[in-house]
Amino acid sequence: MQWQATLSVFEDSVTQGIRIERPIKPIWSKPTLIRLGSDGTGTVVIYQCTDYRGLLVTQNGRELRGTKPDHRITPFTVHMAKPEDGDWMVARTQLKDAVSCDA
């Protein structure tokens, strides 16, 4: 599952001293897909316009360059899933940096 790979990347980042000092800021969000099953499972996709201008990522206290997309205000999708025996979780995220979104 995608979240397991994400957890592995997160663990590697912590080991390498990488920190998000100032996160991205959502400007607006809207659901683009909502699918709920009769068994309690579901899928939601959220399209979010995000502002990367304030993002600051460091490695061992020094700014890590190359962490911002080309467009500083850009679309981002969040795919969420709810398994039958669990809570909602982020299954995958995707940066859509081909064009800037309207702020």
PDB file of N, CA and C in Angstrom:
ATOM      1  N   MET A   1       0.833  -1.188   0.000  1.00  0.00           N
ATOM      2  CA  MET A   1       0.000   0.000   0.000  1.00  0.00           C
ATOM      3  C   MET A   1       0.875   1.249   0.000  1.00  0.00           C
ATOM      4  N   GLN A   2       0.372   2.327  -0.557  1.00  0.00           N
ATOM      5  CA  GLN A   2       1.132   3.566  -0.719  1.00  0.00           C
ATOM      6  C   GLN A   2       1.578   4.160   0.615  1.00  0.00           C
ATOM      7  N   TRP A   3       0.765   4.076   1.663  1.00  0.00           N
ATOM      8  CA  TRP A   3       1.122   4.699   2.942  1.00  0.00           C
ATOM      9  C   TRP A   3       2.369   4.058   3.541  1.00  0.00           C
ATOM     10  N   GLN A   4       2.607   2.787   3.274  1.00  0.00           N
ATOM     11  CA  GLN A   4       3.791   2.123   3.808  1.00  0.00           C
ATOM     12  C   GLN A   4       5.060   2.688   3.177  1.00  0.00           C
ATOM     13  N   ALA A   5       5.002   2.976   1.889  1.00  0.00           N
ATOM     14  CA  ALA A   5       6.154   3.589   1.214  1.00  0.00           C
ATOM     15  C   ALA A   5       6.373   5.003   1.738  1.00  0.00           C
ATOM     16  N   THR A   6       5.283   5.735   1.983  1.00  0.00           N
ATOM     17  CA  THR A   6       5.379   7.084   2.525  1.00  0.00           C
ATOM     18  C   THR A   6       6.004   7.065   3.916  1.00  0.00           C
ATOM     19  N   LEU A   7       5.625   6.107   4.740  1.00  0.00           N
ATOM     20  CA  LEU A   7       6.204   5.981   6.076  1.00  0.00           C
ATOM     21  C   LEU A   7       7.702   5.714   5.995  1.00  0.00           C
ATOM     22  N   SER A   8       8.121   4.889   5.060  1.00  0.00           N
ATOM     23  CA  SER A   8       9.541   4.598   4.871  1.00  0.00           C
ATOM     24  C   SER A   8      10.315   5.857   4.482  1.00  0.00           C
ATOM     25  N   VAL A   9       9.746   6.655   3.576  1.00  0.00           N
ATOM     26  CA  VAL A   9      10.376   7.915   3.164  1.00  0.00           C
ATOM     27  C   VAL A   9      10.470   8.854   4.357  1.00  0.00           C
ATOM     28  N   PHE A  10       9.411   8.927   5.157  1.00  0.00           N
ATOM     29  CA  PHE A  10       9.399   9.780   6.347  1.00  0.00           C
ATOM     30  C   PHE A  10      10.500   9.359   7.319  1.00  0.00           C
ATOM     31  N   GLU A  11      10.627   8.066   7.569  1.00  0.00           N
ATOM     32  CA  GLU A  11      11.666   7.573   8.478  1.00  0.00           C
ATOM     33  C   GLU A  11      13.060   7.923   7.959  1.00  0.00           C
ATOM     34  N   ASP A  12      13.279   7.798   6.651  1.00  0.00           N
ATOM     35  CA  ASP A  12      14.566   8.162   6.054  1.00  0.00           C
ATOM     36  C   ASP A  12      14.843   9.653   6.228  1.00  0.00           C
ATOM     37  N   SER A  13      13.805  10.476   6.054  1.00  0.00           N
ATOM     38  CA  SER A  13      13.961  11.922   6.198  1.00  0.00           C
ATOM     39  C   SER A  13      14.368  12.295   7.611  1.00  0.00           C
ATOM     40  N   VAL A  14      13.757  11.672   8.597  1.00  0.00           N
ATOM     41  CA  VAL A  14      14.097  11.939   9.999  1.00  0.00           C
ATOM     42  C   VAL A  14      15.544  11.545  10.267  1.00  0.00           C
ATOM     43  N   THR A  15      15.950  10.398   9.781  1.00  0.00           N
ATOM     44  CA  THR A  15      17.321   9.915   9.967  1.00  0.00           C
ATOM     45  C   THR A  15      18.327  10.872   9.342  1.00  0.00           C
ATOM     46  N   GLN A  16      17.963  11.487   8.204  1.00  0.00           N
ATOM     47  CA  GLN A  16      18.872  12.395   7.498  1.00  0.00           C
ATOM     48  C   GLN A  16      18.793  13.833   8.009  1.00  0.00           C
ATOM     49  N   GLY A  17      18.009  14.072   9.065  1.00  0.00           N
ATOM     50  CA  GLY A  17      17.923  15.408   9.650  1.00  0.00           C
ATOM     51  C   GLY A  17      17.082  16.391   8.862  1.00  0.00           C
ATOM     52  N   ILE A  18      16.129  15.900   8.066  1.00  0.00           N
ATOM     53  CA  ILE A  18      15.281  16.778   7.261  1.00  0.00           C
ATOM     54  C   ILE A  18      14.036  17.150   8.060  1.00  0.00           C
ATOM     55  N   ARG A  19      13.742  18.463   8.106  1.00  0.00           N
ATOM     56  CA  ARG A  19      12.581  18.965   8.834  1.00  0.00           C
ATOM     57  C   ARG A  19      11.821  19.981   7.991  1.00  0.00           C
ATOM     58  N   ILE A  20      10.500  19.991   8.137  1.00  0.00           N
ATOM     59  CA  ILE A  20       9.680  21.033   7.531  1.00  0.00           C
ATOM     60  C   ILE A  20       9.483  22.086   8.610  1.00  0.00           C
ATOM     61  N   GLU A  21      10.193  23.204   8.463  1.00  0.00           N
ATOM     62  CA  GLU A  21      10.140  24.278   9.460  1.00  0.00           C
ATOM     63  C   GLU A  21       8.897  25.142   9.279  1.00  0.00           C
ATOM     64  N   ARG A  22       8.553  25.431   8.028  1.00  0.00           N
ATOM     65  CA  ARG A  22       7.332  26.180   7.695  1.00  0.00           C
ATOM     66  C   ARG A  22       6.620  25.394   6.598  1.00  0.00           C
ATOM     67  N   PRO A  23       5.419  24.886   6.883  1.00  0.00           N
ATOM     68  CA  PRO A  23       4.710  24.059   5.895  1.00  0.00           C
ATOM     69  C   PRO A  23       4.024  24.895   4.814  1.00  0.00           C
ATOM     70  N   ILE A  24       3.497  24.199   3.814  1.00  0.00           N
ATOM     71  CA  ILE A  24       2.695  24.842   2.782  1.00  0.00           C
ATOM     72  C   ILE A  24       1.380  25.317   3.400  1.00  0.00           C
ATOM     73  N   LYS A  25       0.723  26.272   2.736  1.00  0.00           N
ATOM     74  CA  LYS A  25      -0.536  26.789   3.255  1.00  0.00           C
ATOM     75  C   LYS A  25      -1.642  26.534   2.229  1.00  0.00           C
ATOM     76  N   PRO A  26      -2.690  25.787   2.617  1.00  0.00           N
ATOM     77  CA  PRO A  26      -3.821  25.605   1.709  1.00  0.00           C
ATOM     78  C   PRO A  26      -4.572  26.923   1.530  1.00  0.00           C
ATOM     79  N   ILE A  27      -4.926  27.258   0.280  1.00  0.00           N
ATOM     80  CA  ILE A  27      -5.700  28.459   0.001  1.00  0.00           C
ATOM     81  C   ILE A  27      -7.186  28.090  -0.070  1.00  0.00           C
ATOM     82  N   TRP A  28      -7.482  27.032  -0.794  1.00  0.00           N
ATOM     83  CA  TRP A  28      -8.834  26.490  -0.833  1.00  0.00           C
ATOM     84  C   TRP A  28      -8.771  25.010  -1.177  1.00  0.00           C
ATOM     85  N   SER A  29      -9.831  24.295  -0.811  1.00  0.00           N
ATOM     86  CA  SER A  29      -9.928  22.863  -1.079  1.00  0.00           C
ATOM     87  C   SER A  29     -11.345  22.540  -1.543  1.00  0.00           C
ATOM     88  N   LYS A  30     -11.459  21.549  -2.423  1.00  0.00           N
ATOM     89  CA  LYS A  30     -12.791  21.076  -2.817  1.00  0.00           C
ATOM     90  C   LYS A  30     -12.700  19.590  -3.154  1.00  0.00           C
ATOM     91  N   PRO A  31     -13.698  18.835  -2.751  1.00  0.00           N
ATOM     92  CA  PRO A  31     -13.703  17.411  -3.099  1.00  0.00           C
ATOM     93  C   PRO A  31     -14.025  17.235  -4.581  1.00  0.00           C
ATOM     94  N   THR A  32     -13.316  16.326  -5.234  1.00  0.00           N
ATOM     95  CA  THR A  32     -13.606  16.041  -6.642  1.00  0.00           C
ATOM     96  C   THR A  32     -14.198  14.646  -6.820  1.00  0.00           C
ATOM     97  N   LEU A  33     -14.085  13.816  -5.780  1.00  0.00           N
ATOM     98  CA  LEU A  33     -14.669  12.477  -5.814  1.00  0.00           C
ATOM     99  C   LEU A  33     -15.005  12.069  -4.386  1.00  0.00           C
ATOM    100  N   ILE A  34     -16.239  11.624  -4.195  1.00  0.00           N
ATOM    101  CA  ILE A  34     -16.648  11.066  -2.910  1.00  0.00           C
ATOM    102  C   ILE A  34     -17.373   9.770  -3.223  1.00  0.00           C
ATOM    103  N   ARG A  35     -16.826   8.671  -2.739  1.00  0.00           N
ATOM    104  CA  ARG A  35     -17.432   7.364  -2.977  1.00  0.00           C
ATOM    105  C   ARG A  35     -17.491   6.619  -1.639  1.00  0.00           C
ATOM    106  N   LEU A  36     -18.704   6.361  -1.163  1.00  0.00           N
ATOM    107  CA  LEU A  36     -18.887   5.669   0.108  1.00  0.00           C
ATOM    108  C   LEU A  36     -19.593   4.350  -0.139  1.00  0.00           C
ATOM    109  N   GLY A  37     -19.015   3.276   0.392  1.00  0.00           N
ATOM    110  CA  GLY A  37     -19.603   1.960   0.230  1.00  0.00           C
ATOM    111  C   GLY A  37     -20.575   1.640   1.349  1.00  0.00           C
ATOM    112  N   SER A  38     -21.506   0.724   1.100  1.00  0.00           N
ATOM    113  CA  SER A  38     -22.486   0.339   2.115  1.00  0.00           C
ATOM    114  C   SER A  38     -21.832  -0.395   3.283  1.00  0.00           C
ATOM    115  N   ASP A  39     -20.603  -0.887   3.071  1.00  0.00           N
ATOM    116  CA  ASP A  39     -19.886  -1.599   4.134  1.00  0.00           C
ATOM    117  C   ASP A  39     -19.033  -0.666   4.998  1.00  0.00           C
ATOM    118  N   GLY A  40     -19.143   0.653   4.768  1.00  0.00           N
ATOM    119  CA  GLY A  40     -18.384   1.607   5.570  1.00  0.00           C
ATOM    120  C   GLY A  40     -17.066   2.030   4.948  1.00  0.00           C
ATOM    121  N   THR A  41     -16.671   1.404   3.839  1.00  0.00           N
ATOM    122  CA  THR A  41     -15.433   1.798   3.164  1.00  0.00           C
ATOM    123  C   THR A  41     -15.697   3.031   2.313  1.00  0.00           C
ATOM    124  N   GLY A  42     -14.629   3.660   1.844  1.00  0.00           N
ATOM    125  CA  GLY A  42     -14.829   4.818   1.010  1.00  0.00           C
ATOM    126  C   GLY A  42     -13.562   5.362   0.403  1.00  0.00           C
ATOM    127  N   THR A  43     -13.751   6.264  -0.551  1.00  0.00           N
ATOM    128  CA  THR A  43     -12.658   6.954  -1.223  1.00  0.00           C
ATOM    129  C   THR A  43     -13.061   8.415  -1.391  1.00  0.00           C
ATOM    130  N   VAL A  44     -12.130   9.319  -1.090  1.00  0.00           N
ATOM    131  CA  VAL A  44     -12.348  10.749  -1.291  1.00  0.00           C
ATOM    132  C   VAL A  44     -11.098  11.315  -1.957  1.00  0.00           C
ATOM    133  N   VAL A  45     -11.276  12.133  -2.977  1.00  0.00           N
ATOM    134  CA  VAL A  45     -10.167  12.846  -3.606  1.00  0.00           C
ATOM    135  C   VAL A  45     -10.429  14.338  -3.393  1.00  0.00           C
ATOM    136  N   ILE A  46      -9.448  15.026  -2.834  1.00  0.00           N
ATOM    137  CA  ILE A  46      -9.563  16.454  -2.556  1.00  0.00           C
ATOM    138  C   ILE A  46      -8.578  17.206  -3.450  1.00  0.00           C
ATOM    139  N   TYR A  47      -9.092  18.182  -4.175  1.00  0.00           N
ATOM    140  CA  TYR A  47      -8.265  19.057  -5.016  1.00  0.00           C
ATOM    141  C   TYR A  47      -8.013  20.313  -4.199  1.00  0.00           C
ATOM    142  N   GLN A  48      -6.759  20.645  -3.994  1.00  0.00           N
ATOM    143  CA  GLN A  48      -6.408  21.741  -3.106  1.00  0.00           C
ATOM    144  C   GLN A  48      -5.451  22.702  -3.796  1.00  0.00           C
ATOM    145  N   CYS A  49      -5.742  23.990  -3.702  1.00  0.00           N
ATOM    146  CA  CYS A  49      -4.814  25.002  -4.193  1.00  0.00           C
ATOM    147  C   CYS A  49      -3.907  25.362  -3.012  1.00  0.00           C
ATOM    148  N   THR A  50      -2.617  25.212  -3.175  1.00  0.00           N
ATOM    149  CA  THR A  50      -1.681  25.404  -2.070  1.00  0.00           C
ATOM    150  C   THR A  50      -0.649  26.480  -2.388  1.00  0.00           C
ATOM    151  N   ASP A  51      -0.250  27.183  -1.346  1.00  0.00           N
ATOM    152  CA  ASP A  51       0.736  28.258  -1.455  1.00  0.00           C
ATOM    153  C   ASP A  51       2.065  27.753  -0.903  1.00  0.00           C
ATOM    154  N   TYR A  52       3.044  27.614  -1.782  1.00  0.00           N
ATOM    155  CA  TYR A  52       4.368  27.108  -1.404  1.00  0.00           C
ATOM    156  C   TYR A  52       5.364  28.227  -1.103  1.00  0.00           C
ATOM    157  N   ARG A  53       4.935  29.491  -1.186  1.00  0.00           N
ATOM    158  CA  ARG A  53       5.885  30.597  -1.028  1.00  0.00           C
ATOM    159  C   ARG A  53       6.567  30.609   0.332  1.00  0.00           C
ATOM    160  N   GLY A  54       5.881  30.213   1.403  1.00  0.00           N
ATOM    161  CA  GLY A  54       6.472  30.236   2.736  1.00  0.00           C
ATOM    162  C   GLY A  54       7.159  28.945   3.140  1.00  0.00           C
ATOM    163  N   LEU A  55       7.129  27.922   2.273  1.00  0.00           N
ATOM    164  CA  LEU A  55       7.710  26.622   2.619  1.00  0.00           C
ATOM    165  C   LEU A  55       9.191  26.739   2.945  1.00  0.00           C
ATOM    166  N   LEU A  56       9.571  26.167   4.067  1.00  0.00           N
ATOM    167  CA  LEU A  56      10.978  26.115   4.445  1.00  0.00           C
ATOM    168  C   LEU A  56      11.301  24.710   4.919  1.00  0.00           C
ATOM    169  N   VAL A  57      12.174  24.030   4.187  1.00  0.00           N
ATOM    170  CA  VAL A  57      12.626  22.689   4.530  1.00  0.00           C
ATOM    171  C   VAL A  57      14.113  22.787   4.830  1.00  0.00           C
ATOM    172  N   THR A  58      14.524  22.201   5.962  1.00  0.00           N
ATOM    173  CA  THR A  58      15.936  22.233   6.343  1.00  0.00           C
ATOM    174  C   THR A  58      16.488  20.825   6.490  1.00  0.00           C
ATOM    175  N   GLN A  59      17.801  20.739   6.357  1.00  0.00           N
ATOM    176  CA  GLN A  59      18.513  19.487   6.625  1.00  0.00           C
ATOM    177  C   GLN A  59      19.651  19.834   7.564  1.00  0.00           C
ATOM    178  N   ASN A  60      19.584  19.274   8.760  1.00  0.00           N
ATOM    179  CA  ASN A  60      20.563  19.564   9.808  1.00  0.00           C
ATOM    180  C   ASN A  60      20.705  21.071  10.040  1.00  0.00           C
ATOM    181  N   GLY A  61      19.565  21.788  10.029  1.00  0.00           N
ATOM    182  CA  GLY A  61      19.549  23.210  10.322  1.00  0.00           C
ATOM    183  C   GLY A  61      19.814  24.137   9.146  1.00  0.00           C
ATOM    184  N   ARG A  62      20.161  23.608   7.976  1.00  0.00           N
ATOM    185  CA  ARG A  62      20.425  24.441   6.794  1.00  0.00           C
ATOM    186  C   ARG A  62      19.300  24.270   5.784  1.00  0.00           C
ATOM    187  N   GLU A  63      18.945  25.391   5.124  1.00  0.00           N
ATOM    188  CA  GLU A  63      17.859  25.341   4.144  1.00  0.00           C
ATOM    189  C   GLU A  63      18.184  24.346   3.033  1.00  0.00           C
ATOM    190  N   LEU A  64      17.212  23.512   2.716  1.00  0.00           N
ATOM    191  CA  LEU A  64      17.362  22.515   1.666  1.00  0.00           C
ATOM    192  C   LEU A  64      16.748  23.075   0.390  1.00  0.00           C
ATOM    193  N   ARG A  65      17.551  23.331  -0.601  1.00  0.00           N
ATOM    194  CA  ARG A  65      17.088  23.933  -1.860  1.00  0.00           C
ATOM    195  C   ARG A  65      16.415  22.870  -2.735  1.00  0.00           C
ATOM    196  N   GLY A  66      15.581  23.352  -3.663  1.00  0.00           N
ATOM    197  CA  GLY A  66      14.915  22.442  -4.604  1.00  0.00           C
ATOM    198  C   GLY A  66      13.680  21.769  -4.035  1.00  0.00           C
ATOM    199  N   THR A  67      13.123  22.322  -2.963  1.00  0.00           N
ATOM    200  CA  THR A  67      11.947  21.700  -2.353  1.00  0.00           C
ATOM    201  C   THR A  67      10.637  22.366  -2.759  1.00  0.00           C
ATOM    202  N   LYS A  68      10.713  23.466  -3.516  1.00  0.00           N
ATOM    203  CA  LYS A  68       9.503  24.153  -3.947  1.00  0.00           C
ATOM    204  C   LYS A  68       9.226  23.847  -5.419  1.00  0.00           C
ATOM    205  N   PRO A  69       7.939  23.705  -5.779  1.00  0.00           N
ATOM    206  CA  PRO A  69       7.606  23.477  -7.191  1.00  0.00           C
ATOM    207  C   PRO A  69       7.835  24.742  -8.015  1.00  0.00           C
ATOM    208  N   ASP A  70       7.788  24.597  -9.345  1.00  0.00           N
ATOM    209  CA  ASP A  70       7.983  25.739 -10.242  1.00  0.00           C
ATOM    210  C   ASP A  70       6.949  26.832  -9.993  1.00  0.00           C
ATOM    211  N   HIS A  71       5.688  26.442  -9.867  1.00  0.00           N
ATOM    212  CA  HIS A  71       4.616  27.396  -9.583  1.00  0.00           C
ATOM    213  C   HIS A  71       4.451  27.461  -8.068  1.00  0.00           C
ATOM    214  N   ARG A  72       4.563  28.647  -7.496  1.00  0.00           N
ATOM    215  CA  ARG A  72       4.500  28.783  -6.041  1.00  0.00           C
ATOM    216  C   ARG A  72       3.090  28.615  -5.495  1.00  0.00           C
ATOM    217  N   ILE A  73       2.086  28.875  -6.330  1.00  0.00           N
ATOM    218  CA  ILE A  73       0.697  28.600  -5.958  1.00  0.00           C
ATOM    219  C   ILE A  73       0.213  27.568  -6.966  1.00  0.00           C
ATOM    220  N   THR A  74       0.028  26.345  -6.497  1.00  0.00           N
ATOM    221  CA  THR A  74      -0.155  25.238  -7.428  1.00  0.00           C
ATOM    222  C   THR A  74      -1.147  24.203  -6.901  1.00  0.00           C
ATOM    223  N   PRO A  75      -1.819  23.481  -7.798  1.00  0.00           N
ATOM    224  CA  PRO A  75      -2.767  22.443  -7.383  1.00  0.00           C
ATOM    225  C   PRO A  75      -2.071  21.229  -6.777  1.00  0.00           C
ATOM    226  N   PHE A  76      -2.773  20.597  -5.860  1.00  0.00           N
ATOM    227  CA  PHE A  76      -2.273  19.443  -5.121  1.00  0.00           C
ATOM    228  C   PHE A  76      -3.481  18.541  -4.878  1.00  0.00           C
ATOM    229  N   THR A  77      -3.373  17.243  -5.132  1.00  0.00           N
ATOM    230  CA  THR A  77      -4.494  16.349  -4.855  1.00  0.00           C
ATOM    231  C   THR A  77      -4.148  15.426  -3.699  1.00  0.00           C
ATOM    232  N   VAL A  78      -5.166  15.172  -2.881  1.00  0.00           N
ATOM    233  CA  VAL A  78      -5.035  14.282  -1.732  1.00  0.00           C
ATOM    234  C   VAL A  78      -6.045  13.155  -1.935  1.00  0.00           C
ATOM    235  N   HIS A  79      -5.562  11.923  -2.015  1.00  0.00           N
ATOM    236  CA  HIS A  79      -6.421  10.751  -2.161  1.00  0.00           C
ATOM    237  C   HIS A  79      -6.522  10.087  -0.790  1.00  0.00           C
ATOM    238  N   MET A  80      -7.760   9.990  -0.286  1.00  0.00           N
ATOM    239  CA  MET A  80      -7.979   9.398   1.029  1.00  0.00           C
ATOM    240  C   MET A  80      -8.787   8.117   0.877  1.00  0.00           C
ATOM    241  N   ALA A  81      -8.563   7.186   1.786  1.00  0.00           N
ATOM    242  CA  ALA A  81      -9.283   5.915   1.749  1.00  0.00           C
ATOM    243  C   ALA A  81      -9.697   5.522   3.162  1.00  0.00           C
ATOM    244  N   LYS A  82     -10.824   4.828   3.248  1.00  0.00           N
ATOM    245  CA  LYS A  82     -11.275   4.296   4.523  1.00  0.00           C
ATOM    246  C   LYS A  82     -11.484   2.798   4.345  1.00  0.00           C
ATOM    247  N   PRO A  83     -10.592   1.999   4.928  1.00  0.00           N
ATOM    248  CA  PRO A  83     -10.769   0.552   4.840  1.00  0.00           C
ATOM    249  C   PRO A  83     -11.922   0.097   5.741  1.00  0.00           C
ATOM    250  N   GLU A  84     -12.378  -1.094   5.512  1.00  0.00           N
ATOM    251  CA  GLU A  84     -13.528  -1.624   6.261  1.00  0.00           C
ATOM    252  C   GLU A  84     -13.269  -1.641   7.771  1.00  0.00           C
ATOM    253  N   ASP A  85     -12.054  -1.924   8.172  1.00  0.00           N
ATOM    254  CA  ASP A  85     -11.754  -2.078   9.601  1.00  0.00           C
ATOM    255  C   ASP A  85     -10.891  -0.942  10.156  1.00  0.00           C
ATOM    256  N   GLY A  86     -10.963   0.253   9.547  1.00  0.00           N
ATOM    257  CA  GLY A  86     -10.091   1.329  10.016  1.00  0.00           C
ATOM    258  C   GLY A  86     -10.689   2.704   9.818  1.00  0.00           C
ATOM    259  N   ASP A  87      -9.892   3.711  10.138  1.00  0.00           N
ATOM    260  CA  ASP A  87     -10.296   5.105   9.988  1.00  0.00           C
ATOM    261  C   ASP A  87      -9.806   5.653   8.657  1.00  0.00           C
ATOM    262  N   TRP A  88     -10.280   6.855   8.311  1.00  0.00           N
ATOM    263  CA  TRP A  88      -9.832   7.526   7.098  1.00  0.00           C
ATOM    264  C   TRP A  88      -8.335   7.783   7.167  1.00  0.00           C
ATOM    265  N   MET A  89      -7.643   7.595   6.059  1.00  0.00           N
ATOM    266  CA  MET A  89      -6.201   7.847   6.000  1.00  0.00           C
ATOM    267  C   MET A  89      -5.833   8.372   4.619  1.00  0.00           C
ATOM    268  N   VAL A  90      -4.721   9.101   4.577  1.00  0.00           N
ATOM    269  CA  VAL A  90      -4.211   9.581   3.298  1.00  0.00           C
ATOM    270  C   VAL A  90      -3.558   8.399   2.596  1.00  0.00           C
ATOM    271  N   ALA A  91      -4.079   8.070   1.430  1.00  0.00           N
ATOM    272  CA  ALA A  91      -3.541   6.941   0.670  1.00  0.00           C
ATOM    273  C   ALA A  91      -2.418   7.393  -0.258  1.00  0.00           C
ATOM    274  N   ARG A  92      -2.564   8.630  -0.791  1.00  0.00           N
ATOM    275  CA  ARG A  92      -1.553   9.127  -1.723  1.00  0.00           C
ATOM    276  C   ARG A  92      -1.780  10.610  -1.946  1.00  0.00           C
ATOM    277  N   THR A  93      -0.718  11.321  -2.269  1.00  0.00           N
ATOM    278  CA  THR A  93      -0.816  12.736  -2.634  1.00  0.00           C
ATOM    279  C   THR A  93      -0.103  12.933  -3.955  1.00  0.00           C
ATOM    280  N   GLN A  94      -0.502  13.979  -4.670  1.00  0.00           N
ATOM    281  CA  GLN A  94       0.133  14.243  -5.959  1.00  0.00           C
ATOM    282  C   GLN A  94       0.163  15.728  -6.234  1.00  0.00           C
ATOM    283  N   LEU A  95       1.345  16.245  -6.502  1.00  0.00           N
ATOM    284  CA  LEU A  95       1.531  17.644  -6.878  1.00  0.00           C
ATOM    285  C   LEU A  95       1.223  17.785  -8.354  1.00  0.00           C
ATOM    286  N   LYS A  96       0.389  18.751  -8.712  1.00  0.00           N
ATOM    287  CA  LYS A  96       0.017  18.998 -10.103  1.00  0.00           C
ATOM    288  C   LYS A  96       0.648  20.316 -10.528  1.00  0.00           C
ATOM    289  N   ASP A  97       1.925  20.308 -10.844  1.00  0.00           N
ATOM    290  CA  ASP A  97       2.687  21.529 -11.071  1.00  0.00           C
ATOM    291  C   ASP A  97       2.770  21.946 -12.537  1.00  0.00           C
ATOM    292  N   ALA A  98       1.900  21.427 -13.390  1.00  0.00           N
ATOM    293  CA  ALA A  98       1.956  21.814 -14.801  1.00  0.00           C
ATOM    294  C   ALA A  98       1.530  23.268 -14.986  1.00  0.00           C
ATOM    295  N   VAL A  99       0.540  23.697 -14.192  1.00  0.00           N
ATOM    296  CA  VAL A  99       0.059  25.081 -14.252  1.00  0.00           C
ATOM    297  C   VAL A  99      -0.253  25.563 -12.847  1.00  0.00           C
ATOM    298  N   SER A 100      -0.253  26.869 -12.672  1.00  0.00           N
ATOM    299  CA  SER A 100      -0.622  27.455 -11.404  1.00  0.00           C
ATOM    300  C   SER A 100      -2.133  27.457 -11.265  1.00  0.00           C
ATOM    301  N   CYS A 101      -2.643  27.379 -10.040  1.00  0.00           N
ATOM    302  CA  CYS A 101      -4.099  27.473  -9.841  1.00  0.00           C
ATOM    303  C   CYS A 101      -4.464  28.916  -9.511  1.00  0.00           C
ATOM    304  N   ASP A 102      -5.719  29.245  -9.702  1.00  0.00           N
ATOM    305  CA  ASP A 102      -6.192  30.596  -9.384  1.00  0.00           C
ATOM    306  C   ASP A 102      -6.333  30.735  -7.883  1.00  0.00           C
ATOM    307  N   ALA A 103      -5.739  31.757  -7.315  1.00  0.00           N
ATOM    308  CA  ALA A 103      -5.803  31.933  -5.854  1.00  0.00           C
ATOM    309  C   ALA A 103      -6.992  32.767  -5.456  1.00  0.00           C
TER     310      ALA A 103
END
